[in-house]
PDB file of N, CA and C in Angstrom:
ATOM      1  N   MET A   1      35.360  26.893  -8.276  1.00  0.00           N
ATOM      2  CA  MET A   1      33.975  27.225  -8.063  1.00  0.00           C
ATOM      3  C   MET A   1      33.067  26.352  -8.910  1.00  0.00           C
ATOM      4  N   SER A   2      33.411  26.143 -10.142  1.00  0.00           N
ATOM      5  CA  SER A   2      32.551  25.351 -11.013  1.00  0.00           C
ATOM      6  C   SER A   2      32.559  23.881 -10.596  1.00  0.00           C
ATOM      7  N   LEU A   3      33.684  23.409 -10.024  1.00  0.00           N
ATOM      8  CA  LEU A   3      33.721  22.028  -9.553  1.00  0.00           C
ATOM      9  C   LEU A   3      32.773  21.829  -8.384  1.00  0.00           C
ATOM     10  N   ARG A   4      32.674  22.810  -7.503  1.00  0.00           N
ATOM     11  CA  ARG A   4      31.735  22.718  -6.391  1.00  0.00           C
ATOM     12  C   ARG A   4      30.295  22.677  -6.888  1.00  0.00           C
ATOM     13  N   LYS A   5      29.974  23.521  -7.851  1.00  0.00           N
ATOM     14  CA  LYS A   5      28.622  23.527  -8.403  1.00  0.00           C
ATOM     15  C   LYS A   5      28.297  22.170  -9.016  1.00  0.00           C
ATOM     16  N   MET A   6      29.248  21.620  -9.756  1.00  0.00           N
ATOM     17  CA  MET A   6      29.019  20.311 -10.374  1.00  0.00           C
ATOM     18  C   MET A   6      28.821  19.255  -9.293  1.00  0.00           C
ATOM     19  N   TYR A   7      29.603  19.329  -8.244  1.00  0.00           N
ATOM     20  CA  TYR A   7      29.495  18.342  -7.173  1.00  0.00           C
ATOM     21  C   TYR A   7      28.139  18.449  -6.473  1.00  0.00           C
ATOM     22  N   LYS A   8      27.709  19.683  -6.174  1.00  0.00           N
ATOM     23  CA  LYS A   8      26.415  19.875  -5.522  1.00  0.00           C
ATOM     24  C   LYS A   8      25.281  19.417  -6.424  1.00  0.00           C
ATOM     25  N   THR A   9      25.356  19.745  -7.688  1.00  0.00           N
ATOM     26  CA  THR A   9      24.328  19.323  -8.635  1.00  0.00           C
ATOM     27  C   THR A   9      24.320  17.812  -8.748  1.00  0.00           C
ATOM     28  N   ASP A  10      25.490  17.222  -8.818  1.00  0.00           N
ATOM     29  CA  ASP A  10      25.583  15.770  -8.932  1.00  0.00           C
ATOM     30  C   ASP A  10      25.033  15.092  -7.683  1.00  0.00           C
ATOM     31  N   SER A  11      25.331  15.638  -6.515  1.00  0.00           N
ATOM     32  CA  SER A  11      24.832  15.090  -5.266  1.00  0.00           C
ATOM     33  C   SER A  11      23.309  15.219  -5.201  1.00  0.00           C
ATOM     34  N   TYR A  12      22.809  16.355  -5.631  1.00  0.00           N
ATOM     35  CA  TYR A  12      21.360  16.567  -5.636  1.00  0.00           C
ATOM     36  C   TYR A  12      20.684  15.598  -6.603  1.00  0.00           C
ATOM     37  N   THR A  13      21.281  15.396  -7.751  1.00  0.00           N
ATOM     38  CA  THR A  13      20.724  14.468  -8.737  1.00  0.00           C
ATOM     39  C   THR A  13      20.702  13.053  -8.180  1.00  0.00           C
ATOM     40  N   GLN A  14      21.750  12.654  -7.497  1.00  0.00           N
ATOM     41  CA  GLN A  14      21.790  11.330  -6.887  1.00  0.00           C
ATOM     42  C   GLN A  14      20.716  11.194  -5.820  1.00  0.00           C
ATOM     43  N   GLU A  15      20.508  12.254  -5.039  1.00  0.00           N
ATOM     44  CA  GLU A  15      19.501  12.223  -3.988  1.00  0.00           C
ATOM     45  C   GLU A  15      18.100  12.110  -4.587  1.00  0.00           C
ATOM     46  N   VAL A  16      17.839  12.842  -5.650  1.00  0.00           N
ATOM     47  CA  VAL A  16      16.540  12.777  -6.309  1.00  0.00           C
ATOM     48  C   VAL A  16      16.315  11.392  -6.898  1.00  0.00           C
ATOM     49  N   CYS A  17      17.338  10.831  -7.529  1.00  0.00           N
ATOM     50  CA  CYS A  17      17.219   9.483  -8.101  1.00  0.00           C
ATOM     51  C   CYS A  17      16.993   8.451  -7.003  1.00  0.00           C
ATOM     52  N   TYR A  18      17.658   8.604  -5.870  1.00  0.00           N
ATOM     53  CA  TYR A  18      17.481   7.681  -4.756  1.00  0.00           C
ATOM     54  C   TYR A  18      16.047   7.739  -4.237  1.00  0.00           C
ATOM     55  N   ASP A  19      15.509   8.962  -4.075  1.00  0.00           N
ATOM     56  CA  ASP A  19      14.127   9.115  -3.616  1.00  0.00           C
ATOM     57  C   ASP A  19      13.156   8.491  -4.601  1.00  0.00           C
ATOM     58  N   TYR A  20      13.397   8.702  -5.894  1.00  0.00           N
ATOM     59  CA  TYR A  20      12.524   8.149  -6.924  1.00  0.00           C
ATOM     60  C   TYR A  20      12.576   6.622  -6.903  1.00  0.00           C
ATOM     61  N   ASN A  21      13.769   6.055  -6.775  1.00  0.00           N
ATOM     62  CA  ASN A  21      13.908   4.601  -6.738  1.00  0.00           C
ATOM     63  C   ASN A  21      13.241   4.007  -5.504  1.00  0.00           C
ATOM     64  N   MET A  22      13.367   4.666  -4.360  1.00  0.00           N
ATOM     65  CA  MET A  22      12.719   4.167  -3.145  1.00  0.00           C
ATOM     66  C   MET A  22      11.205   4.226  -3.280  1.00  0.00           C
ATOM     67  N   ARG A  23      10.697   5.282  -3.893  1.00  0.00           N
ATOM     68  CA  ARG A  23       9.259   5.408  -4.101  1.00  0.00           C
ATOM     69  C   ARG A  23       8.742   4.292  -5.015  1.00  0.00           C
ATOM     70  N   GLU A  24       9.490   4.014  -6.080  1.00  0.00           N
ATOM     71  CA  GLU A  24       9.102   2.947  -7.004  1.00  0.00           C
ATOM     72  C   GLU A  24       9.186   1.582  -6.341  1.00  0.00           C
ATOM     73  N   LEU A  25      10.198   1.369  -5.513  1.00  0.00           N
ATOM     74  CA  LEU A  25      10.337   0.105  -4.796  1.00  0.00           C
ATOM     75  C   LEU A  25       9.192  -0.079  -3.806  1.00  0.00           C
ATOM     76  N   LYS A  26       8.844   0.984  -3.099  1.00  0.00           N
ATOM     77  CA  LYS A  26       7.738   0.926  -2.147  1.00  0.00           C
ATOM     78  C   LYS A  26       6.426   0.628  -2.867  1.00  0.00           C
ATOM     79  N   LYS A  27       6.230   1.230  -4.022  1.00  0.00           N
ATOM     80  CA  LYS A  27       5.027   0.990  -4.815  1.00  0.00           C
ATOM     81  C   LYS A  27       4.964  -0.467  -5.253  1.00  0.00           C
ATOM     82  N   ALA A  28       6.077  -1.016  -5.709  1.00  0.00           N
ATOM     83  CA  ALA A  28       6.112  -2.414  -6.141  1.00  0.00           C
ATOM     84  C   ALA A  28       5.841  -3.360  -4.977  1.00  0.00           C
ATOM     85  N   VAL A  29       6.397  -3.055  -3.817  1.00  0.00           N
ATOM     86  CA  VAL A  29       6.167  -3.904  -2.631  1.00  0.00           C
ATOM     87  C   VAL A  29       4.695  -3.863  -2.237  1.00  0.00           C
ATOM     88  N   HIS A  30       4.082  -2.684  -2.267  1.00  0.00           N
ATOM     89  CA  HIS A  30       2.657  -2.575  -1.936  1.00  0.00           C
ATOM     90  C   HIS A  30       1.808  -3.412  -2.885  1.00  0.00           C
ATOM     91  N   ILE A  31       2.113  -3.347  -4.177  1.00  0.00           N
ATOM     92  CA  ILE A  31       1.313  -4.074  -5.161  1.00  0.00           C
ATOM     93  C   ILE A  31       1.499  -5.581  -5.015  1.00  0.00           C
ATOM     94  N   VAL A  32       2.737  -6.032  -4.917  1.00  0.00           N
ATOM     95  CA  VAL A  32       2.997  -7.474  -4.812  1.00  0.00           C
ATOM     96  C   VAL A  32       2.441  -8.036  -3.507  1.00  0.00           C
ATOM     97  N   LEU A  33       2.684  -7.362  -2.410  1.00  0.00           N
ATOM     98  CA  LEU A  33       2.182  -7.830  -1.119  1.00  0.00           C
ATOM     99  C   LEU A  33       0.655  -7.784  -1.067  1.00  0.00           C
ATOM    100  N   GLY A  34       0.059  -6.735  -1.631  1.00  0.00           N
ATOM    101  CA  GLY A  34      -1.389  -6.621  -1.667  1.00  0.00           C
ATOM    102  C   GLY A  34      -2.031  -7.747  -2.468  1.00  0.00           C
ATOM    103  N   LEU A  35      -1.498  -8.034  -3.649  1.00  0.00           N
ATOM    104  CA  LEU A  35      -2.042  -9.117  -4.470  1.00  0.00           C
ATOM    105  C   LEU A  35      -1.850 -10.477  -3.809  1.00  0.00           C
ATOM    106  N   THR A  36      -0.707 -10.661  -3.162  1.00  0.00           N
ATOM    107  CA  THR A  36      -0.459 -11.925  -2.458  1.00  0.00           C
ATOM    108  C   THR A  36      -1.456 -12.123  -1.321  1.00  0.00           C
ATOM    109  N   LEU A  37      -1.690 -11.073  -0.548  1.00  0.00           N
ATOM    110  CA  LEU A  37      -2.652 -11.176   0.550  1.00  0.00           C
ATOM    111  C   LEU A  37      -4.075 -11.393   0.041  1.00  0.00           C
ATOM    112  N   ILE A  38      -4.414 -10.814  -1.100  1.00  0.00           N
ATOM    113  CA  ILE A  38      -5.737 -11.041  -1.674  1.00  0.00           C
ATOM    114  C   ILE A  38      -5.894 -12.495  -2.101  1.00  0.00           C
ATOM    115  N   LEU A  39      -4.864 -13.061  -2.726  1.00  0.00           N
ATOM    116  CA  LEU A  39      -4.934 -14.471  -3.126  1.00  0.00           C
ATOM    117  C   LEU A  39      -5.032 -15.396  -1.912  1.00  0.00           C
ATOM    118  N   ILE A  40      -4.259 -15.116  -0.880  1.00  0.00           N
ATOM    119  CA  ILE A  40      -4.338 -15.925   0.343  1.00  0.00           C
ATOM    120  C   ILE A  40      -5.703 -15.736   1.003  1.00  0.00           C
ATOM    121  N   GLY A  41      -6.232 -14.517   0.959  1.00  0.00           N
ATOM    122  CA  GLY A  41      -7.552 -14.244   1.514  1.00  0.00           C
ATOM    123  C   GLY A  41      -8.648 -14.989   0.781  1.00  0.00           C
ATOM    124  N   LEU A  42      -8.541 -15.080  -0.544  1.00  0.00           N
ATOM    125  CA  LEU A  42      -9.516 -15.854  -1.317  1.00  0.00           C
ATOM    126  C   LEU A  42      -9.451 -17.330  -0.945  1.00  0.00           C
ATOM    127  N   ALA A  43      -8.249 -17.834  -0.744  1.00  0.00           N
ATOM    128  CA  ALA A  43      -8.106 -19.224  -0.293  1.00  0.00           C
ATOM    129  C   ALA A  43      -8.666 -19.375   1.120  1.00  0.00           C
ATOM    130  N   GLY A  44      -8.504 -18.344   1.927  1.00  0.00           N
ATOM    131  CA  GLY A  44      -9.007 -18.373   3.300  1.00  0.00           C
ATOM    132  C   GLY A  44     -10.520 -18.370   3.388  1.00  0.00           C
ATOM    133  N   LEU A  45     -11.180 -17.868   2.365  1.00  0.00           N
ATOM    134  CA  LEU A  45     -12.639 -17.918   2.352  1.00  0.00           C
ATOM    135  C   LEU A  45     -13.147 -19.350   2.217  1.00  0.00           C
ATOM    136  N   VAL A  46     -12.354 -20.200   1.558  1.00  0.00           N
ATOM    137  CA  VAL A  46     -12.737 -21.596   1.337  1.00  0.00           C
ATOM    138  C   VAL A  46     -12.199 -22.498   2.446  1.00  0.00           C
ATOM    139  N   LEU A  47     -10.958 -22.252   2.859  1.00  0.00           N
ATOM    140  CA  LEU A  47     -10.329 -23.094   3.874  1.00  0.00           C
ATOM    141  C   LEU A  47     -10.729 -22.631   5.277  1.00  0.00           C
ATOM    142  N   PRO A  48     -10.996 -23.553   6.172  1.00  0.00           N
ATOM    143  CA  PRO A  48     -11.420 -23.158   7.520  1.00  0.00           C
ATOM    144  C   PRO A  48     -10.267 -22.688   8.411  1.00  0.00           C
ATOM    145  N   ILE A  49      -9.041 -22.857   7.972  1.00  0.00           N
ATOM    146  CA  ILE A  49      -7.882 -22.529   8.803  1.00  0.00           C
ATOM    147  C   ILE A  49      -7.590 -21.022   8.798  1.00  0.00           C
ATOM    148  N   LEU A  50      -7.742 -20.379   7.634  1.00  0.00           N
ATOM    149  CA  LEU A  50      -7.371 -18.972   7.480  1.00  0.00           C
ATOM    150  C   LEU A  50      -8.579 -18.057   7.645  1.00  0.00           C
ATOM    151  N   ASN A  51      -8.327 -16.838   8.122  1.00  0.00           N
ATOM    152  CA  ASN A  51      -9.371 -15.825   8.184  1.00  0.00           C
ATOM    153  C   ASN A  51      -9.267 -14.985   6.915  1.00  0.00           C
ATOM    154  N   GLY A  52     -10.036 -15.352   5.913  1.00  0.00           N
ATOM    155  CA  GLY A  52      -9.932 -14.732   4.599  1.00  0.00           C
ATOM    156  C   GLY A  52     -10.375 -13.287   4.550  1.00  0.00           C
ATOM    157  N   THR A  53     -11.355 -12.914   5.362  1.00  0.00           N
ATOM    158  CA  THR A  53     -11.889 -11.564   5.310  1.00  0.00           C
ATOM    159  C   THR A  53     -10.845 -10.526   5.702  1.00  0.00           C
ATOM    160  N   ILE A  54     -10.144 -10.778   6.769  1.00  0.00           N
ATOM    161  CA  ILE A  54      -9.106  -9.833   7.234  1.00  0.00           C
ATOM    162  C   ILE A  54      -7.982  -9.733   6.210  1.00  0.00           C
ATOM    163  N   LEU A  55      -7.557 -10.875   5.658  1.00  0.00           N
ATOM    164  CA  LEU A  55      -6.477 -10.855   4.671  1.00  0.00           C
ATOM    165  C   LEU A  55      -6.898 -10.122   3.400  1.00  0.00           C
ATOM    166  N   LEU A  56      -8.147 -10.316   2.981  1.00  0.00           N
ATOM    167  CA  LEU A  56      -8.650  -9.570   1.822  1.00  0.00           C
ATOM    168  C   LEU A  56      -8.654  -8.070   2.096  1.00  0.00           C
ATOM    169  N   LEU A  57      -9.104  -7.695   3.264  1.00  0.00           N
ATOM    170  CA  LEU A  57      -9.168  -6.278   3.614  1.00  0.00           C
ATOM    171  C   LEU A  57      -7.772  -5.653   3.663  1.00  0.00           C
ATOM    172  N   ILE A  58      -6.829  -6.347   4.265  1.00  0.00           N
ATOM    173  CA  ILE A  58      -5.456  -5.821   4.328  1.00  0.00           C
ATOM    174  C   ILE A  58      -4.854  -5.717   2.925  1.00  0.00           C
ATOM    175  N   GLY A  59      -5.075  -6.731   2.093  1.00  0.00           N
ATOM    176  CA  GLY A  59      -4.572  -6.690   0.722  1.00  0.00           C
ATOM    177  C   GLY A  59      -5.179  -5.550  -0.077  1.00  0.00           C
ATOM    178  N   LEU A  60      -6.473  -5.322   0.088  1.00  0.00           N
ATOM    179  CA  LEU A  60      -7.118  -4.222  -0.629  1.00  0.00           C
ATOM    180  C   LEU A  60      -6.643  -2.863  -0.126  1.00  0.00           C
ATOM    181  N   ILE A  61      -6.400  -2.750   1.168  1.00  0.00           N
ATOM    182  CA  ILE A  61      -5.870  -1.484   1.695  1.00  0.00           C
ATOM    183  C   ILE A  61      -4.484  -1.216   1.129  1.00  0.00           C
ATOM    184  N   LEU A  62      -3.647  -2.250   1.041  1.00  0.00           N
ATOM    185  CA  LEU A  62      -2.314  -2.065   0.445  1.00  0.00           C
ATOM    186  C   LEU A  62      -2.424  -1.624  -1.009  1.00  0.00           C
ATOM    187  N   LEU A  63      -3.341  -2.223  -1.759  1.00  0.00           N
ATOM    188  CA  LEU A  63      -3.516  -1.808  -3.144  1.00  0.00           C
ATOM    189  C   LEU A  63      -4.096  -0.397  -3.240  1.00  0.00           C
ATOM    190  N   SER A  64      -4.896  -0.005  -2.262  1.00  0.00           N
ATOM    191  CA  SER A  64      -5.490   1.329  -2.303  1.00  0.00           C
ATOM    192  C   SER A  64      -4.453   2.432  -2.100  1.00  0.00           C
ATOM    193  N   PHE A  65      -3.299   2.096  -1.539  1.00  0.00           N
ATOM    194  CA  PHE A  65      -2.219   3.085  -1.413  1.00  0.00           C
ATOM    195  C   PHE A  65      -1.737   3.525  -2.794  1.00  0.00           C
ATOM    196  N   GLU A  66      -1.825   2.635  -3.771  1.00  0.00           N
ATOM    197  CA  GLU A  66      -1.272   2.907  -5.089  1.00  0.00           C
ATOM    198  C   GLU A  66      -2.329   3.131  -6.167  1.00  0.00           C
ATOM    199  N   ASN A  67      -3.596   2.851  -5.870  1.00  0.00           N
ATOM    200  CA  ASN A  67      -4.627   2.938  -6.886  1.00  0.00           C
ATOM    201  C   ASN A  67      -5.851   3.653  -6.306  1.00  0.00           C
ATOM    202  N   VAL A  68      -6.195   4.792  -6.863  1.00  0.00           N
ATOM    203  CA  VAL A  68      -7.312   5.593  -6.372  1.00  0.00           C
ATOM    204  C   VAL A  68      -8.640   4.873  -6.623  1.00  0.00           C
ATOM    205  N   TYR A  69      -8.735   4.137  -7.714  1.00  0.00           N
ATOM    206  CA  TYR A  69      -9.953   3.404  -8.047  1.00  0.00           C
ATOM    207  C   TYR A  69     -10.282   2.378  -6.965  1.00  0.00           C
ATOM    208  N   VAL A  70      -9.279   1.632  -6.514  1.00  0.00           N
ATOM    209  CA  VAL A  70      -9.485   0.633  -5.458  1.00  0.00           C
ATOM    210  C   VAL A  70      -9.885   1.325  -4.159  1.00  0.00           C
ATOM    211  N   GLU A  71      -9.238   2.446  -3.858  1.00  0.00           N
ATOM    212  CA  GLU A  71      -9.543   3.166  -2.617  1.00  0.00           C
ATOM    213  C   GLU A  71     -10.979   3.684  -2.600  1.00  0.00           C
ATOM    214  N   SER A  72     -11.442   4.231  -3.708  1.00  0.00           N
ATOM    215  CA  SER A  72     -12.804   4.769  -3.733  1.00  0.00           C
ATOM    216  C   SER A  72     -13.843   3.656  -3.589  1.00  0.00           C
ATOM    217  N   HIS A  73     -13.619   2.523  -4.233  1.00  0.00           N
ATOM    218  CA  HIS A  73     -14.558   1.403  -4.101  1.00  0.00           C
ATOM    219  C   HIS A  73     -14.523   0.799  -2.702  1.00  0.00           C
ATOM    220  N   LEU A  74     -13.349   0.728  -2.130  1.00  0.00           N
ATOM    221  CA  LEU A  74     -13.216   0.185  -0.781  1.00  0.00           C
ATOM    222  C   LEU A  74     -13.922   1.078   0.235  1.00  0.00           C
ATOM    223  N   GLN A  75     -13.799   2.381   0.083  1.00  0.00           N
ATOM    224  CA  GLN A  75     -14.491   3.298   0.983  1.00  0.00           C
ATOM    225  C   GLN A  75     -16.007   3.208   0.806  1.00  0.00           C
ATOM    226  N   ARG A  76     -16.455   3.058  -0.429  1.00  0.00           N
ATOM    227  CA  ARG A  76     -17.891   2.950  -0.676  1.00  0.00           C
ATOM    228  C   ARG A  76     -18.460   1.670  -0.061  1.00  0.00           C
ATOM    229  N   ILE A  77     -17.742   0.574  -0.179  1.00  0.00           N
ATOM    230  CA  ILE A  77     -18.185  -0.694   0.414  1.00  0.00           C
ATOM    231  C   ILE A  77     -18.151  -0.604   1.937  1.00  0.00           C
ATOM    232  N   ALA A  78     -17.115   0.030   2.474  1.00  0.00           N
ATOM    233  CA  ALA A  78     -16.974   0.141   3.934  1.00  0.00           C
ATOM    234  C   ALA A  78     -18.091   0.981   4.544  1.00  0.00           C
ATOM    235  N   ARG A  79     -18.575   1.976   3.813  1.00  0.00           N
ATOM    236  CA  ARG A  79     -19.651   2.819   4.343  1.00  0.00           C
ATOM    237  C   ARG A  79     -20.958   2.044   4.515  1.00  0.00           C
ATOM    238  N   LYS A  80     -21.128   0.959   3.769  1.00  0.00           N
ATOM    239  CA  LYS A  80     -22.370   0.181   3.837  1.00  0.00           C
ATOM    240  C   LYS A  80     -22.427  -0.734   5.054  1.00  0.00           C
ATOM    241  N   ASN A  81     -21.290  -1.098   5.610  1.00  0.00           N
ATOM    242  CA  ASN A  81     -21.228  -2.034   6.728  1.00  0.00           C
ATOM    243  C   ASN A  81     -20.450  -1.372   7.867  1.00  0.00           C
ATOM    244  N   THR A  82     -21.081  -1.196   9.015  1.00  0.00           N
ATOM    245  CA  THR A  82     -20.428  -0.468  10.112  1.00  0.00           C
ATOM    246  C   THR A  82     -19.223  -1.209  10.679  1.00  0.00           C
ATOM    247  N   LEU A  83     -19.320  -2.530  10.790  1.00  0.00           N
ATOM    248  CA  LEU A  83     -18.186  -3.295  11.308  1.00  0.00           C
ATOM    249  C   LEU A  83     -17.010  -3.231  10.341  1.00  0.00           C
ATOM    250  N   LEU A  84     -17.294  -3.381   9.057  1.00  0.00           N
ATOM    251  CA  LEU A  84     -16.238  -3.304   8.046  1.00  0.00           C
ATOM    252  C   LEU A  84     -15.640  -1.909   7.999  1.00  0.00           C
ATOM    253  N   GLU A  85     -16.468  -0.894   8.171  1.00  0.00           N
ATOM    254  CA  GLU A  85     -15.960   0.479   8.167  1.00  0.00           C
ATOM    255  C   GLU A  85     -15.024   0.722   9.352  1.00  0.00           C
ATOM    256  N   LYS A  86     -15.382   0.177  10.511  1.00  0.00           N
ATOM    257  CA  LYS A  86     -14.532   0.322  11.693  1.00  0.00           C
ATOM    258  C   LYS A  86     -13.173  -0.344  11.461  1.00  0.00           C
ATOM    259  N   TRP A  87     -13.177  -1.574  10.935  1.00  0.00           N
ATOM    260  CA  TRP A  87     -11.925  -2.285  10.663  1.00  0.00           C
ATOM    261  C   TRP A  87     -11.120  -1.582   9.575  1.00  0.00           C
ATOM    262  N   TYR A  88     -11.815  -1.118   8.555  1.00  0.00           N
ATOM    263  CA  TYR A  88     -11.129  -0.429   7.459  1.00  0.00           C
ATOM    264  C   TYR A  88     -10.428   0.829   7.968  1.00  0.00           C
ATOM    265  N   ASN A  89     -11.121   1.616   8.768  1.00  0.00           N
ATOM    266  CA  ASN A  89     -10.516   2.849   9.276  1.00  0.00           C
ATOM    267  C   ASN A  89      -9.322   2.566  10.182  1.00  0.00           C
ATOM    268  N   LYS A  90      -9.465   1.585  11.069  1.00  0.00           N
ATOM    269  CA  LYS A  90      -8.352   1.254  11.974  1.00  0.00           C
ATOM    270  C   LYS A  90      -7.137   0.745  11.197  1.00  0.00           C
ATOM    271  N   LEU A  91      -7.367  -0.212  10.305  1.00  0.00           N
ATOM    272  CA  LEU A  91      -6.253  -0.789   9.549  1.00  0.00           C
ATOM    273  C   LEU A  91      -5.616   0.226   8.609  1.00  0.00           C
ATOM    274  N   SER A  92      -6.431   1.041   7.977  1.00  0.00           N
ATOM    275  CA  SER A  92      -5.907   2.019   7.046  1.00  0.00           C
ATOM    276  C   SER A  92      -5.022   3.042   7.748  1.00  0.00           C
ATOM    277  N   VAL A  93      -5.469   3.541   8.876  1.00  0.00           N
ATOM    278  CA  VAL A  93      -4.678   4.518   9.634  1.00  0.00           C
ATOM    279  C   VAL A  93      -3.370   3.885  10.111  1.00  0.00           C
ATOM    280  N   TRP A  94      -3.449   2.677  10.648  1.00  0.00           N
ATOM    281  CA  TRP A  94      -2.244   2.011  11.145  1.00  0.00           C
ATOM    282  C   TRP A  94      -1.260   1.728  10.025  1.00  0.00           C
ATOM    283  N   MET A  95      -1.773   1.231   8.882  1.00  0.00           N
ATOM    284  CA  MET A  95      -0.878   0.889   7.777  1.00  0.00           C
ATOM    285  C   MET A  95      -0.266   2.120   7.131  1.00  0.00           C
ATOM    286  N   ARG A  96      -1.020   3.190   7.011  1.00  0.00           N
ATOM    287  CA  ARG A  96      -0.455   4.415   6.439  1.00  0.00           C
ATOM    288  C   ARG A  96       0.607   5.011   7.357  1.00  0.00           C
ATOM    289  N   LYS A  97       0.436   4.816   8.642  1.00  0.00           N
ATOM    290  CA  LYS A  97       1.418   5.342   9.611  1.00  0.00           C
ATOM    291  C   LYS A  97       2.709   4.537   9.563  1.00  0.00           C
ATOM    292  N   HIS A  98       2.614   3.230   9.399  1.00  0.00           N
ATOM    293  CA  HIS A  98       3.796   2.370   9.485  1.00  0.00           C
ATOM    294  C   HIS A  98       4.377   1.959   8.145  1.00  0.00           C
ATOM    295  N   MET A  99       3.684   2.212   7.069  1.00  0.00           N
ATOM    296  CA  MET A  99       4.219   1.787   5.765  1.00  0.00           C
ATOM    297  C   MET A  99       4.483   2.985   4.912  1.00  0.00           C
TER     298      MET A  99
END
């Protein structure tokens, strides 16, 4: 009986650790990918080949998944511009659904 309890507890502990590690990995991917897209977006503002605005917006949305400060500022900026608000809402809903 005690071996079963130990096994169940051990399995549960492994499952909790796995969930925690996946959450941390997802957070790291969001931050790295978000910062990369922001840097490419900044380059896109100068270079005529890239669409910097969309890349900046996607990068900021990715960072807003992990940082409440970025999300609140992004929402405040989006409320001032109707086109930006429309794009922000569409991209945010799609990215939260798929990521």
